[in-house]
């Protein structure tokens, strides 16, 4: 068996593996509707100290699906925000909020297809780290550059260089405020969603 095919099959096995609770499998998460994912996200946000098994199952499904797509498309990473995992969850919550009656797997597929233009083409260890500790976000430099180009094209007066500084933070803050978009003045899932919507 060819290595690429073996890795792709391994990624699919991860997608289809079951969680510790036999009543909720990762495979089953894909068949659930987006409104159930949104409910799990809301429950987690309202009870941050409580374990949320359903959200964990959805997260495992996303991780397995992204891994399988990385392998199938021969990409280093299909998602332009590297860390933290919460950014991936937020992005797919944005996608699902527009598709509440659709199966979760279709939202994940469509969401990944939409962000593929911002995904690094090859192994891209060049990352931009913003913030510290629980406030840290790590994005690929290629995505940071795409955010800056988007803002420059929109007239926010920055020069794209792929680095995060006060000018970029100010431009993101102004864009989000002007467009009533949630999130901090960083290139986060909310910014990604806004870029895809324009």
C-alpha atoms as a PDB file:
ATOM      1  CA  UNK A   1       0.000   0.000   0.000  1.00  0.00           C
ATOM      2  CA  UNK A   2       1.347   3.436  -0.913  1.00  0.00           C
ATOM      3  CA  UNK A   3       2.288   5.655   2.057  1.00  0.00           C
ATOM      4  CA  UNK A   4      -0.068   8.497   1.045  1.00  0.00           C
ATOM      5  CA  UNK A   5      -3.030   6.111   0.762  1.00  0.00           C
ATOM      6  CA  UNK A   6      -2.105   4.516   4.086  1.00  0.00           C
ATOM      7  CA  UNK A   7      -2.016   7.929   5.786  1.00  0.00           C
ATOM      8  CA  UNK A   8      -5.335   8.910   4.218  1.00  0.00           C
ATOM      9  CA  UNK A   9      -6.937   5.707   5.468  1.00  0.00           C
ATOM     10  CA  UNK A  10      -5.459   6.342   8.913  1.00  0.00           C
ATOM     11  CA  UNK A  11      -7.027   9.833   8.907  1.00  0.00           C
ATOM     12  CA  UNK A  12     -10.387   8.345   7.960  1.00  0.00           C
ATOM     13  CA  UNK A  13     -10.082   5.770  10.726  1.00  0.00           C
ATOM     14  CA  UNK A  14      -9.505   8.644  13.163  1.00  0.00           C
ATOM     15  CA  UNK A  15     -12.702  10.231  11.817  1.00  0.00           C
ATOM     16  CA  UNK A  16     -14.641   7.023  12.343  1.00  0.00           C
ATOM     17  CA  UNK A  17     -13.235   6.069  15.739  1.00  0.00           C
ATOM     18  CA  UNK A  18     -15.547   6.125  18.723  1.00  0.00           C
ATOM     19  CA  UNK A  19     -15.259   8.123  21.913  1.00  0.00           C
ATOM     20  CA  UNK A  20     -15.177   6.652  25.411  1.00  0.00           C
ATOM     21  CA  UNK A  21     -18.969   6.868  25.568  1.00  0.00           C
ATOM     22  CA  UNK A  22     -20.459   4.233  23.274  1.00  0.00           C
ATOM     23  CA  UNK A  23     -23.598   6.357  22.851  1.00  0.00           C
ATOM     24  CA  UNK A  24     -21.776   9.180  21.089  1.00  0.00           C
ATOM     25  CA  UNK A  25     -19.288   8.275  18.410  1.00  0.00           C
ATOM     26  CA  UNK A  26     -17.171  10.569  16.326  1.00  0.00           C
ATOM     27  CA  UNK A  27     -18.731   9.012  13.234  1.00  0.00           C
ATOM     28  CA  UNK A  28     -22.143   9.970  14.573  1.00  0.00           C
ATOM     29  CA  UNK A  29     -21.072  13.586  15.096  1.00  0.00           C
ATOM     30  CA  UNK A  30     -20.882  14.118  11.355  1.00  0.00           C
ATOM     31  CA  UNK A  31     -24.469  13.012  10.860  1.00  0.00           C
ATOM     32  CA  UNK A  32     -25.825  15.332  13.547  1.00  0.00           C
ATOM     33  CA  UNK A  33     -27.207  18.686  12.494  1.00  0.00           C
ATOM     34  CA  UNK A  34     -25.368  21.952  12.917  1.00  0.00           C
ATOM     35  CA  UNK A  35     -27.882  23.135  15.505  1.00  0.00           C
ATOM     36  CA  UNK A  36     -26.648  20.366  17.841  1.00  0.00           C
ATOM     37  CA  UNK A  37     -23.061  21.574  17.441  1.00  0.00           C
ATOM     38  CA  UNK A  38     -24.165  25.148  18.172  1.00  0.00           C
ATOM     39  CA  UNK A  39     -26.015  23.936  21.279  1.00  0.00           C
ATOM     40  CA  UNK A  40     -22.847  22.152  22.483  1.00  0.00           C
ATOM     41  CA  UNK A  41     -20.756  25.294  21.896  1.00  0.00           C
ATOM     42  CA  UNK A  42     -23.280  27.472  23.762  1.00  0.00           C
ATOM     43  CA  UNK A  43     -23.370  24.992  26.647  1.00  0.00           C
ATOM     44  CA  UNK A  44     -19.580  25.040  26.840  1.00  0.00           C
ATOM     45  CA  UNK A  45     -19.505  28.853  26.821  1.00  0.00           C
ATOM     46  CA  UNK A  46     -22.158  29.059  29.556  1.00  0.00           C
ATOM     47  CA  UNK A  47     -20.472  26.384  31.690  1.00  0.00           C
ATOM     48  CA  UNK A  48     -16.726  26.733  30.987  1.00  0.00           C
ATOM     49  CA  UNK A  49     -15.662  24.663  34.008  1.00  0.00           C
ATOM     50  CA  UNK A  50     -17.984  21.768  33.179  1.00  0.00           C
ATOM     51  CA  UNK A  51     -16.801  18.934  30.951  1.00  0.00           C
ATOM     52  CA  UNK A  52     -18.688  18.947  27.650  1.00  0.00           C
ATOM     53  CA  UNK A  53     -18.489  15.482  26.137  1.00  0.00           C
ATOM     54  CA  UNK A  54     -20.629  16.349  23.129  1.00  0.00           C
ATOM     55  CA  UNK A  55     -18.379  19.270  22.161  1.00  0.00           C
ATOM     56  CA  UNK A  56     -15.366  16.993  22.647  1.00  0.00           C
ATOM     57  CA  UNK A  57     -16.876  14.505  20.180  1.00  0.00           C
ATOM     58  CA  UNK A  58     -17.507  17.277  17.633  1.00  0.00           C
ATOM     59  CA  UNK A  59     -13.906  18.501  18.154  1.00  0.00           C
ATOM     60  CA  UNK A  60     -12.549  14.991  17.561  1.00  0.00           C
ATOM     61  CA  UNK A  61     -14.593  14.759  14.381  1.00  0.00           C
ATOM     62  CA  UNK A  62     -13.201  18.087  13.136  1.00  0.00           C
ATOM     63  CA  UNK A  63      -9.623  17.041  13.956  1.00  0.00           C
ATOM     64  CA  UNK A  64     -10.007  13.741  12.137  1.00  0.00           C
ATOM     65  CA  UNK A  65     -11.663  15.345   9.133  1.00  0.00           C
ATOM     66  CA  UNK A  66      -9.006  18.058   8.851  1.00  0.00           C
ATOM     67  CA  UNK A  67      -6.250  15.438   9.168  1.00  0.00           C
ATOM     68  CA  UNK A  68      -7.822  13.347   6.415  1.00  0.00           C
ATOM     69  CA  UNK A  69      -8.171  16.421   4.166  1.00  0.00           C
ATOM     70  CA  UNK A  70      -4.557  17.462   4.833  1.00  0.00           C
ATOM     71  CA  UNK A  71      -3.422  14.054   3.657  1.00  0.00           C
ATOM     72  CA  UNK A  72      -5.817  13.811   0.715  1.00  0.00           C
ATOM     73  CA  UNK A  73      -4.893  17.283  -0.566  1.00  0.00           C
ATOM     74  CA  UNK A  74      -1.196  16.945   0.255  1.00  0.00           C
ATOM     75  CA  UNK A  75      -1.247  20.096   2.353  1.00  0.00           C
ATOM     76  CA  UNK A  76       0.562  20.824   5.572  1.00  0.00           C
ATOM     77  CA  UNK A  77      -2.525  22.305   7.169  1.00  0.00           C
ATOM     78  CA  UNK A  78      -5.985  23.022   5.728  1.00  0.00           C
ATOM     79  CA  UNK A  79      -6.737  25.602   8.410  1.00  0.00           C
ATOM     80  CA  UNK A  80      -4.897  28.960   8.498  1.00  0.00           C
ATOM     81  CA  UNK A  81      -5.056  29.468  12.280  1.00  0.00           C
ATOM     82  CA  UNK A  82      -2.680  27.063  13.974  1.00  0.00           C
ATOM     83  CA  UNK A  83      -3.565  27.520  17.657  1.00  0.00           C
ATOM     84  CA  UNK A  84      -5.606  27.364  19.807  1.00  0.00           C
ATOM     85  CA  UNK A  85      -8.209  24.715  19.006  1.00  0.00           C
ATOM     86  CA  UNK A  86     -10.896  27.104  20.221  1.00  0.00           C
ATOM     87  CA  UNK A  87     -10.383  29.167  17.049  1.00  0.00           C
ATOM     88  CA  UNK A  88     -11.288  26.152  14.912  1.00  0.00           C
ATOM     89  CA  UNK A  89     -14.391  25.541  17.029  1.00  0.00           C
ATOM     90  CA  UNK A  90     -15.371  29.227  16.728  1.00  0.00           C
ATOM     91  CA  UNK A  91     -14.913  29.164  12.953  1.00  0.00           C
ATOM     92  CA  UNK A  92     -17.106  26.088  12.483  1.00  0.00           C
ATOM     93  CA  UNK A  93     -19.682  27.585  14.878  1.00  0.00           C
ATOM     94  CA  UNK A  94     -19.822  30.577  12.514  1.00  0.00           C
ATOM     95  CA  UNK A  95     -20.272  28.243   9.536  1.00  0.00           C
ATOM     96  CA  UNK A  96     -22.926  26.191  11.329  1.00  0.00           C
ATOM     97  CA  UNK A  97     -24.826  29.268  12.486  1.00  0.00           C
ATOM     98  CA  UNK A  98     -25.563  29.929   8.808  1.00  0.00           C
ATOM     99  CA  UNK A  99     -26.532  26.273   8.182  1.00  0.00           C
ATOM    100  CA  UNK A 100     -28.423  25.164  11.290  1.00  0.00           C
ATOM    101  CA  UNK A 101     -30.499  22.498   9.515  1.00  0.00           C
ATOM    102  CA  UNK A 102     -27.561  20.934   7.614  1.00  0.00           C
ATOM    103  CA  UNK A 103     -25.533  17.865   8.660  1.00  0.00           C
ATOM    104  CA  UNK A 104     -22.393  18.838  10.565  1.00  0.00           C
ATOM    105  CA  UNK A 105     -20.137  16.950   8.130  1.00  0.00           C
ATOM    106  CA  UNK A 106     -21.378  19.118   5.238  1.00  0.00           C
ATOM    107  CA  UNK A 107     -20.674  22.295   7.205  1.00  0.00           C
ATOM    108  CA  UNK A 108     -17.154  21.087   8.032  1.00  0.00           C
ATOM    109  CA  UNK A 109     -16.516  20.183   4.390  1.00  0.00           C
ATOM    110  CA  UNK A 110     -17.861  23.510   3.093  1.00  0.00           C
ATOM    111  CA  UNK A 111     -15.993  25.432   5.782  1.00  0.00           C
ATOM    112  CA  UNK A 112     -12.695  23.787   4.887  1.00  0.00           C
ATOM    113  CA  UNK A 113     -13.227  24.365   1.175  1.00  0.00           C
ATOM    114  CA  UNK A 114     -13.875  28.037   1.884  1.00  0.00           C
ATOM    115  CA  UNK A 115     -10.654  28.541   3.881  1.00  0.00           C
ATOM    116  CA  UNK A 116      -8.454  26.510   1.535  1.00  0.00           C
ATOM    117  CA  UNK A 117      -7.349  29.708  -0.223  1.00  0.00           C
ATOM    118  CA  UNK A 118      -5.772  30.857   3.054  1.00  0.00           C
ATOM    119  CA  UNK A 119      -4.149  27.525   3.930  1.00  0.00           C
ATOM    120  CA  UNK A 120      -0.367  27.237   3.570  1.00  0.00           C
ATOM    121  CA  UNK A 121       0.607  25.550   0.306  1.00  0.00           C
ATOM    122  CA  UNK A 122       3.568  23.675   1.774  1.00  0.00           C
ATOM    123  CA  UNK A 123       5.011  22.985   5.179  1.00  0.00           C
ATOM    124  CA  UNK A 124       4.933  26.456   6.630  1.00  0.00           C
ATOM    125  CA  UNK A 125       6.713  26.680   9.933  1.00  0.00           C
ATOM    126  CA  UNK A 126       6.623  30.457   9.680  1.00  0.00           C
ATOM    127  CA  UNK A 127       4.037  31.439  12.219  1.00  0.00           C
ATOM    128  CA  UNK A 128       3.040  34.662  13.893  1.00  0.00           C
ATOM    129  CA  UNK A 129       2.456  34.402  17.640  1.00  0.00           C
ATOM    130  CA  UNK A 130       0.207  37.064  19.100  1.00  0.00           C
ATOM    131  CA  UNK A 131      -0.436  37.509  22.814  1.00  0.00           C
ATOM    132  CA  UNK A 132       0.578  35.235  25.662  1.00  0.00           C
ATOM    133  CA  UNK A 133      -0.848  32.421  27.755  1.00  0.00           C
ATOM    134  CA  UNK A 134      -4.579  31.871  27.378  1.00  0.00           C
ATOM    135  CA  UNK A 135      -4.782  34.914  25.082  1.00  0.00           C
ATOM    136  CA  UNK A 136      -2.178  33.589  22.630  1.00  0.00           C
ATOM    137  CA  UNK A 137      -3.194  32.964  19.049  1.00  0.00           C
ATOM    138  CA  UNK A 138      -0.855  31.504  16.444  1.00  0.00           C
ATOM    139  CA  UNK A 139      -1.501  31.996  12.735  1.00  0.00           C
ATOM    140  CA  UNK A 140       0.500  31.087   9.682  1.00  0.00           C
ATOM    141  CA  UNK A 141       2.428  34.030   8.320  1.00  0.00           C
ATOM    142  CA  UNK A 142       0.791  33.523   4.917  1.00  0.00           C
ATOM    143  CA  UNK A 143      -2.616  34.048   6.567  1.00  0.00           C
ATOM    144  CA  UNK A 144      -1.369  37.135   8.414  1.00  0.00           C
ATOM    145  CA  UNK A 145      -0.289  38.531   5.042  1.00  0.00           C
ATOM    146  CA  UNK A 146      -3.711  37.722   3.541  1.00  0.00           C
ATOM    147  CA  UNK A 147      -5.438  39.552   6.416  1.00  0.00           C
ATOM    148  CA  UNK A 148      -3.216  42.584   5.878  1.00  0.00           C
ATOM    149  CA  UNK A 149      -3.833  42.599   2.120  1.00  0.00           C
ATOM    150  CA  UNK A 150      -7.583  42.359   2.761  1.00  0.00           C
ATOM    151  CA  UNK A 151      -7.428  45.321   5.150  1.00  0.00           C
ATOM    152  CA  UNK A 152      -5.164  47.363   2.843  1.00  0.00           C
ATOM    153  CA  UNK A 153      -7.558  46.783  -0.052  1.00  0.00           C
ATOM    154  CA  UNK A 154     -10.392  47.970   2.198  1.00  0.00           C
ATOM    155  CA  UNK A 155      -8.603  51.268   2.831  1.00  0.00           C
ATOM    156  CA  UNK A 156      -7.362  50.624   6.368  1.00  0.00           C
ATOM    157  CA  UNK A 157      -3.954  52.146   5.638  1.00  0.00           C
ATOM    158  CA  UNK A 158      -1.535  49.329   6.386  1.00  0.00           C
ATOM    159  CA  UNK A 159       1.360  47.919   4.403  1.00  0.00           C
ATOM    160  CA  UNK A 160       1.222  44.100   4.225  1.00  0.00           C
ATOM    161  CA  UNK A 161       4.393  42.506   5.610  1.00  0.00           C
ATOM    162  CA  UNK A 162       3.147  39.270   7.225  1.00  0.00           C
ATOM    163  CA  UNK A 163       3.982  40.504  10.725  1.00  0.00           C
ATOM    164  CA  UNK A 164       1.645  41.558  13.519  1.00  0.00           C
ATOM    165  CA  UNK A 165       2.217  44.986  14.986  1.00  0.00           C
ATOM    166  CA  UNK A 166       0.316  47.988  16.337  1.00  0.00           C
ATOM    167  CA  UNK A 167      -0.749  49.127  12.844  1.00  0.00           C
ATOM    168  CA  UNK A 168      -2.267  45.750  12.026  1.00  0.00           C
ATOM    169  CA  UNK A 169      -3.963  45.552  15.437  1.00  0.00           C
ATOM    170  CA  UNK A 170      -5.446  49.025  14.925  1.00  0.00           C
ATOM    171  CA  UNK A 171      -6.650  48.149  11.398  1.00  0.00           C
ATOM    172  CA  UNK A 172      -8.287  44.904  12.583  1.00  0.00           C
ATOM    173  CA  UNK A 173      -9.923  46.735  15.474  1.00  0.00           C
ATOM    174  CA  UNK A 174     -11.272  49.436  13.136  1.00  0.00           C
ATOM    175  CA  UNK A 175     -12.546  46.862  10.625  1.00  0.00           C
ATOM    176  CA  UNK A 176     -14.296  44.813  13.309  1.00  0.00           C
ATOM    177  CA  UNK A 177     -15.849  47.879  14.919  1.00  0.00           C
ATOM    178  CA  UNK A 178     -17.045  49.280  11.587  1.00  0.00           C
ATOM    179  CA  UNK A 179     -18.582  45.925  10.592  1.00  0.00           C
ATOM    180  CA  UNK A 180     -19.913  44.971  14.050  1.00  0.00           C
ATOM    181  CA  UNK A 181     -17.748  41.846  14.250  1.00  0.00           C
ATOM    182  CA  UNK A 182     -16.936  40.135  17.547  1.00  0.00           C
ATOM    183  CA  UNK A 183     -13.478  39.215  18.735  1.00  0.00           C
ATOM    184  CA  UNK A 184     -10.278  40.932  19.723  1.00  0.00           C
ATOM    185  CA  UNK A 185      -8.002  42.971  17.468  1.00  0.00           C
ATOM    186  CA  UNK A 186      -6.228  39.856  16.173  1.00  0.00           C
ATOM    187  CA  UNK A 187      -6.551  37.698  13.037  1.00  0.00           C
ATOM    188  CA  UNK A 188      -8.974  35.237  14.622  1.00  0.00           C
ATOM    189  CA  UNK A 189     -11.855  33.051  13.456  1.00  0.00           C
ATOM    190  CA  UNK A 190     -14.181  36.055  13.403  1.00  0.00           C
ATOM    191  CA  UNK A 191     -11.793  37.893  11.079  1.00  0.00           C
ATOM    192  CA  UNK A 192     -11.488  34.794   8.913  1.00  0.00           C
ATOM    193  CA  UNK A 193     -15.267  34.527   8.658  1.00  0.00           C
ATOM    194  CA  UNK A 194     -15.559  38.207   7.755  1.00  0.00           C
ATOM    195  CA  UNK A 195     -12.941  37.859   5.016  1.00  0.00           C
ATOM    196  CA  UNK A 196     -14.817  34.922   3.529  1.00  0.00           C
ATOM    197  CA  UNK A 197     -18.075  36.879   3.652  1.00  0.00           C
ATOM    198  CA  UNK A 198     -16.677  39.770   1.603  1.00  0.00           C
END
